[in-house]
PDB file of all heavy atoms in Angstrom:
ATOM      1  N   VAL A   1     -14.169 -14.985  -7.349  1.00  0.00           N
ATOM      2  CA  VAL A   1     -14.503 -14.077  -6.203  1.00  0.00           C
ATOM      3  C   VAL A   1     -13.503 -14.438  -5.090  1.00  0.00           C
ATOM      4  O   VAL A   1     -13.065 -15.605  -5.011  1.00  0.00           O
ATOM      5  CB  VAL A   1     -15.914 -14.148  -5.663  1.00  0.00           C
ATOM      6  CG1 VAL A   1     -16.885 -13.650  -6.690  1.00  0.00           C
ATOM      7  CG2 VAL A   1     -16.244 -15.681  -5.362  1.00  0.00           C
ATOM      8  N   PRO A   2     -13.151 -13.507  -4.203  1.00  0.00           N
ATOM      9  CA  PRO A   2     -12.093 -13.752  -3.166  1.00  0.00           C
ATOM     10  C   PRO A   2     -12.591 -14.483  -2.049  1.00  0.00           C
ATOM     11  O   PRO A   2     -12.147 -14.275  -0.882  1.00  0.00           O
ATOM     12  CB  PRO A   2     -11.652 -12.311  -2.827  1.00  0.00           C
ATOM     13  CG  PRO A   2     -12.804 -11.482  -3.098  1.00  0.00           C
ATOM     14  CD  PRO A   2     -13.536 -12.080  -4.229  1.00  0.00           C
ATOM     15  N   VAL A   3     -13.651 -15.374  -2.116  1.00  0.00           N
ATOM     16  CA  VAL A   3     -14.165 -16.186  -1.133  1.00  0.00           C
ATOM     17  C   VAL A   3     -14.426 -17.594  -1.715  1.00  0.00           C
ATOM     18  O   VAL A   3     -14.723 -17.670  -2.831  1.00  0.00           O
ATOM     19  CB  VAL A   3     -15.406 -15.675  -0.430  1.00  0.00           C
ATOM     20  CG1 VAL A   3     -15.120 -14.328   0.283  1.00  0.00           C
ATOM     21  CG2 VAL A   3     -16.473 -15.430  -1.461  1.00  0.00           C
ATOM     22  N   GLY A   4     -14.374 -18.545  -0.838  1.00  0.00           N
ATOM     23  CA  GLY A   4     -14.757 -19.937  -1.303  1.00  0.00           C
ATOM     24  C   GLY A   4     -13.668 -20.524  -2.248  1.00  0.00           C
ATOM     25  O   GLY A   4     -12.493 -20.109  -2.239  1.00  0.00           O
ATOM     26  N   GLU A   5     -14.069 -21.466  -3.038  1.00  0.00           N
ATOM     27  CA  GLU A   5     -13.095 -22.223  -3.919  1.00  0.00           C
ATOM     28  C   GLU A   5     -13.329 -21.880  -5.371  1.00  0.00           C
ATOM     29  O   GLU A   5     -13.391 -22.650  -6.208  1.00  0.00           O
ATOM     30  CB  GLU A   5     -13.277 -23.661  -3.694  1.00  0.00           C
ATOM     31  CG  GLU A   5     -13.001 -24.149  -2.296  1.00  0.00           C
ATOM     32  CD  GLU A   5     -13.016 -25.634  -2.027  1.00  0.00           C
ATOM     33  OE1 GLU A   5     -13.199 -26.389  -3.104  1.00  0.00           O
ATOM     34  OE2 GLU A   5     -12.945 -26.122  -0.903  1.00  0.00           O
ATOM     35  N   GLY A   6     -13.420 -20.487  -5.623  1.00  0.00           N
ATOM     36  CA  GLY A   6     -13.685 -19.979  -6.925  1.00  0.00           C
ATOM     37  C   GLY A   6     -12.579 -19.690  -7.815  1.00  0.00           C
ATOM     38  O   GLY A   6     -12.628 -18.925  -8.740  1.00  0.00           O
ATOM     39  N   TYR A   7     -11.317 -20.215  -7.423  1.00  0.00           N
ATOM     40  CA  TYR A   7     -10.134 -19.870  -8.207  1.00  0.00           C
ATOM     41  C   TYR A   7      -9.502 -20.989  -8.874  1.00  0.00           C
ATOM     42  O   TYR A   7      -9.602 -22.191  -8.409  1.00  0.00           O
ATOM     43  CB  TYR A   7      -9.057 -19.252  -7.261  1.00  0.00           C
ATOM     44  CG  TYR A   7      -9.413 -17.932  -6.674  1.00  0.00           C
ATOM     45  CD1 TYR A   7      -9.678 -17.722  -5.322  1.00  0.00           C
ATOM     46  CD2 TYR A   7      -9.511 -16.855  -7.512  1.00  0.00           C
ATOM     47  CE1 TYR A   7      -9.981 -16.521  -4.778  1.00  0.00           C
ATOM     48  CE2 TYR A   7      -9.799 -15.592  -7.023  1.00  0.00           C
ATOM     49  CZ  TYR A   7     -10.056 -15.429  -5.644  1.00  0.00           C
ATOM     50  OH  TYR A   7     -10.329 -14.209  -5.209  1.00  0.00           O
ATOM     51  N   ALA A   8      -8.957 -20.747 -10.046  1.00  0.00           N
ATOM     52  CA  ALA A   8      -8.102 -21.747 -10.698  1.00  0.00           C
ATOM     53  C   ALA A   8      -6.677 -21.707 -10.192  1.00  0.00           C
ATOM     54  O   ALA A   8      -6.174 -20.767  -9.677  1.00  0.00           O
ATOM     55  CB  ALA A   8      -8.127 -21.456 -12.233  1.00  0.00           C
ATOM     56  N   MET A   9      -5.969 -22.809 -10.356  1.00  0.00           N
ATOM     57  CA  MET A   9      -4.625 -22.902  -9.914  1.00  0.00           C
ATOM     58  C   MET A   9      -3.808 -23.222 -11.124  1.00  0.00           C
ATOM     59  O   MET A   9      -4.166 -24.059 -11.988  1.00  0.00           O
ATOM     60  CB  MET A   9      -4.368 -24.032  -8.917  1.00  0.00           C
ATOM     61  CG  MET A   9      -5.090 -23.795  -7.533  1.00  0.00           C
ATOM     62  SD  MET A   9      -4.131 -22.581  -6.652  1.00  0.00           S
ATOM     63  CE  MET A   9      -2.665 -23.414  -6.169  1.00  0.00           C
ATOM     64  N   THR A  10      -2.716 -22.417 -11.333  1.00  0.00           N
ATOM     65  CA  THR A  10      -1.904 -22.603 -12.525  1.00  0.00           C
ATOM     66  C   THR A  10      -0.419 -22.665 -12.095  1.00  0.00           C
ATOM     67  O   THR A  10      -0.036 -21.931 -11.107  1.00  0.00           O
ATOM     68  CB  THR A  10      -2.064 -21.397 -13.477  1.00  0.00           C
ATOM     69  OG1 THR A  10      -3.498 -21.319 -13.882  1.00  0.00           O
ATOM     70  CG2 THR A  10      -1.233 -21.519 -14.712  1.00  0.00           C
ATOM     71  N   ALA A  11       0.369 -23.518 -12.822  1.00  0.00           N
ATOM     72  CA  ALA A  11       1.782 -23.536 -12.484  1.00  0.00           C
ATOM     73  C   ALA A  11       2.530 -22.328 -13.173  1.00  0.00           C
ATOM     74  O   ALA A  11       2.458 -22.248 -14.396  1.00  0.00           O
ATOM     75  CB  ALA A  11       2.369 -24.833 -13.024  1.00  0.00           C
ATOM     76  N   PHE A  12       3.114 -21.465 -12.383  1.00  0.00           N
ATOM     77  CA  PHE A  12       3.950 -20.409 -12.869  1.00  0.00           C
ATOM     78  C   PHE A  12       5.402 -20.679 -12.597  1.00  0.00           C
ATOM     79  O   PHE A  12       5.759 -21.444 -11.689  1.00  0.00           O
ATOM     80  CB  PHE A  12       3.582 -19.005 -12.159  1.00  0.00           C
ATOM     81  CG  PHE A  12       2.215 -18.534 -12.628  1.00  0.00           C
ATOM     82  CD1 PHE A  12       1.013 -18.965 -12.082  1.00  0.00           C
ATOM     83  CD2 PHE A  12       2.103 -17.567 -13.648  1.00  0.00           C
ATOM     84  CE1 PHE A  12      -0.181 -18.481 -12.474  1.00  0.00           C
ATOM     85  CE2 PHE A  12       0.903 -17.098 -14.072  1.00  0.00           C
ATOM     86  CZ  PHE A  12      -0.264 -17.484 -13.441  1.00  0.00           C
ATOM     87  N   GLU A  13       6.247 -20.012 -13.361  1.00  0.00           N
ATOM     88  CA  GLU A  13       7.715 -20.104 -13.121  1.00  0.00           C
ATOM     89  C   GLU A  13       8.142 -18.720 -12.650  1.00  0.00           C
ATOM     90  O   GLU A  13       8.070 -17.724 -13.326  1.00  0.00           O
ATOM     91  CB  GLU A  13       8.442 -20.517 -14.435  1.00  0.00           C
ATOM     92  CG  GLU A  13       9.902 -20.743 -14.204  1.00  0.00           C
ATOM     93  CD  GLU A  13      10.656 -21.106 -15.550  1.00  0.00           C
ATOM     94  OE1 GLU A  13      10.198 -22.083 -16.104  1.00  0.00           O
ATOM     95  OE2 GLU A  13      11.656 -20.521 -15.814  1.00  0.00           O
ATOM     96  N   PHE A  14       8.733 -18.727 -11.443  1.00  0.00           N
ATOM     97  CA  PHE A  14       9.226 -17.471 -10.909  1.00  0.00           C
ATOM     98  C   PHE A  14      10.725 -17.572 -10.684  1.00  0.00           C
ATOM     99  O   PHE A  14      11.219 -18.394  -9.859  1.00  0.00           O
ATOM    100  CB  PHE A  14       8.521 -17.218  -9.546  1.00  0.00           C
ATOM    101  CG  PHE A  14       7.062 -17.290  -9.463  1.00  0.00           C
ATOM    102  CD1 PHE A  14       6.431 -18.445  -9.118  1.00  0.00           C
ATOM    103  CD2 PHE A  14       6.332 -16.257  -9.997  1.00  0.00           C
ATOM    104  CE1 PHE A  14       5.078 -18.474  -9.159  1.00  0.00           C
ATOM    105  CE2 PHE A  14       4.957 -16.314  -9.924  1.00  0.00           C
ATOM    106  CZ  PHE A  14       4.303 -17.405  -9.549  1.00  0.00           C
ATOM    107  N   LYS A  15      11.509 -16.887 -11.468  1.00  0.00           N
ATOM    108  CA  LYS A  15      12.988 -16.881 -11.391  1.00  0.00           C
ATOM    109  C   LYS A  15      13.542 -18.310 -11.369  1.00  0.00           C
ATOM    110  O   LYS A  15      14.433 -18.693 -10.617  1.00  0.00           O
ATOM    111  CB  LYS A  15      13.370 -16.166 -10.126  1.00  0.00           C
ATOM    112  CG  LYS A  15      12.927 -14.689 -10.026  1.00  0.00           C
ATOM    113  CD  LYS A  15      13.474 -13.905  -8.878  1.00  0.00           C
ATOM    114  CE  LYS A  15      14.958 -13.611  -9.095  1.00  0.00           C
ATOM    115  NZ  LYS A  15      15.515 -12.755  -8.106  1.00  0.00           N
ATOM    116  N   GLY A  16      13.009 -19.085 -12.327  1.00  0.00           N
ATOM    117  CA  GLY A  16      13.467 -20.463 -12.540  1.00  0.00           C
ATOM    118  C   GLY A  16      12.828 -21.514 -11.627  1.00  0.00           C
ATOM    119  O   GLY A  16      13.115 -22.668 -11.785  1.00  0.00           O
ATOM    120  N   GLU A  17      12.001 -21.078 -10.677  1.00  0.00           N
ATOM    121  CA  GLU A  17      11.315 -22.021  -9.775  1.00  0.00           C
ATOM    122  C   GLU A  17       9.865 -22.138 -10.147  1.00  0.00           C
ATOM    123  O   GLU A  17       9.115 -21.157 -10.215  1.00  0.00           O
ATOM    124  CB  GLU A  17      11.454 -21.569  -8.336  1.00  0.00           C
ATOM    125  CG  GLU A  17      10.821 -22.453  -7.241  1.00  0.00           C
ATOM    126  CD  GLU A  17      11.025 -21.987  -5.873  1.00  0.00           C
ATOM    127  OE1 GLU A  17      11.773 -21.005  -5.701  1.00  0.00           O
ATOM    128  OE2 GLU A  17      10.344 -22.526  -5.005  1.00  0.00           O
ATOM    129  N   SER A  18       9.380 -23.305 -10.401  1.00  0.00           N
ATOM    130  CA  SER A  18       7.989 -23.560 -10.716  1.00  0.00           C
ATOM    131  C   SER A  18       7.159 -23.774  -9.445  1.00  0.00           C
ATOM    132  O   SER A  18       7.475 -24.683  -8.687  1.00  0.00           O
ATOM    133  CB  SER A  18       7.918 -24.821 -11.640  1.00  0.00           C
ATOM    134  OG  SER A  18       6.555 -25.042 -12.053  1.00  0.00           O
ATOM    135  N   ARG A  19       6.109 -23.052  -9.295  1.00  0.00           N
ATOM    136  CA  ARG A  19       5.170 -23.140  -8.109  1.00  0.00           C
ATOM    137  C   ARG A  19       3.722 -22.911  -8.645  1.00  0.00           C
ATOM    138  O   ARG A  19       3.462 -22.206  -9.583  1.00  0.00           O
ATOM    139  CB  ARG A  19       5.584 -22.091  -7.140  1.00  0.00           C
ATOM    140  CG  ARG A  19       6.840 -22.354  -6.416  1.00  0.00           C
ATOM    141  CD  ARG A  19       6.794 -23.594  -5.512  1.00  0.00           C
ATOM    142  NE  ARG A  19       5.857 -23.407  -4.361  1.00  0.00           N
ATOM    143  CZ  ARG A  19       6.126 -22.845  -3.256  1.00  0.00           C
ATOM    144  NH1 ARG A  19       7.395 -22.401  -3.054  1.00  0.00           N
ATOM    145  NH2 ARG A  19       5.201 -22.691  -2.299  1.00  0.00           N
ATOM    146  N   MET A  20       2.813 -23.571  -7.893  1.00  0.00           N
ATOM    147  CA  MET A  20       1.418 -23.363  -8.138  1.00  0.00           C
ATOM    148  C   MET A  20       0.960 -22.036  -7.540  1.00  0.00           C
ATOM    149  O   MET A  20       1.405 -21.738  -6.428  1.00  0.00           O
ATOM    150  CB  MET A  20       0.580 -24.493  -7.596  1.00  0.00           C
ATOM    151  CG  MET A  20       0.886 -25.868  -8.254  1.00  0.00           C
ATOM    152  SD  MET A  20       0.419 -25.843 -10.044  1.00  0.00           S
ATOM    153  CE  MET A  20      -1.405 -25.735  -9.980  1.00  0.00           C
ATOM    154  N   ALA A  21       0.173 -21.294  -8.229  1.00  0.00           N
ATOM    155  CA  ALA A  21      -0.363 -20.036  -7.722  1.00  0.00           C
ATOM    156  C   ALA A  21      -1.829 -19.929  -8.236  1.00  0.00           C
ATOM    157  O   ALA A  21      -2.175 -20.403  -9.281  1.00  0.00           O
ATOM    158  CB  ALA A  21       0.434 -18.870  -8.189  1.00  0.00           C
ATOM    159  N   GLY A  22      -2.676 -19.228  -7.419  1.00  0.00           N
ATOM    160  CA  GLY A  22      -4.021 -18.914  -7.802  1.00  0.00           C
ATOM    161  C   GLY A  22      -4.058 -17.901  -8.872  1.00  0.00           C
ATOM    162  O   GLY A  22      -3.058 -16.948  -8.909  1.00  0.00           O
ATOM    163  N   VAL A  23      -4.964 -17.922  -9.791  1.00  0.00           N
ATOM    164  CA  VAL A  23      -4.975 -16.955 -10.845  1.00  0.00           C
ATOM    165  C   VAL A  23      -6.386 -16.427 -10.990  1.00  0.00           C
ATOM    166  O   VAL A  23      -7.378 -17.220 -10.903  1.00  0.00           O
ATOM    167  CB  VAL A  23      -4.444 -17.529 -12.169  1.00  0.00           C
ATOM    168  CG1 VAL A  23      -5.305 -18.750 -12.630  1.00  0.00           C
ATOM    169  CG2 VAL A  23      -4.471 -16.457 -13.302  1.00  0.00           C
ATOM    170  N   ASN A  24      -6.574 -15.118 -11.113  1.00  0.00           N
ATOM    171  CA  ASN A  24      -7.898 -14.479 -11.361  1.00  0.00           C
ATOM    172  C   ASN A  24      -7.773 -13.562 -12.486  1.00  0.00           C
ATOM    173  O   ASN A  24      -6.843 -12.660 -12.534  1.00  0.00           O
ATOM    174  CB  ASN A  24      -8.304 -13.766 -10.048  1.00  0.00           C
ATOM    175  CG  ASN A  24      -9.749 -13.437 -10.108  1.00  0.00           C
ATOM    176  OD1 ASN A  24     -10.466 -13.822 -10.959  1.00  0.00           O
ATOM    177  ND2 ASN A  24     -10.203 -12.637  -9.153  1.00  0.00           N
TER     178      ASN A  24
END
């Protein structure tokens, strides 16, 4: 849900750069 700490974090690669992003 878009409130609180209900999201997982996953490492994605964007144009060769690895960054953590929330995923739903």
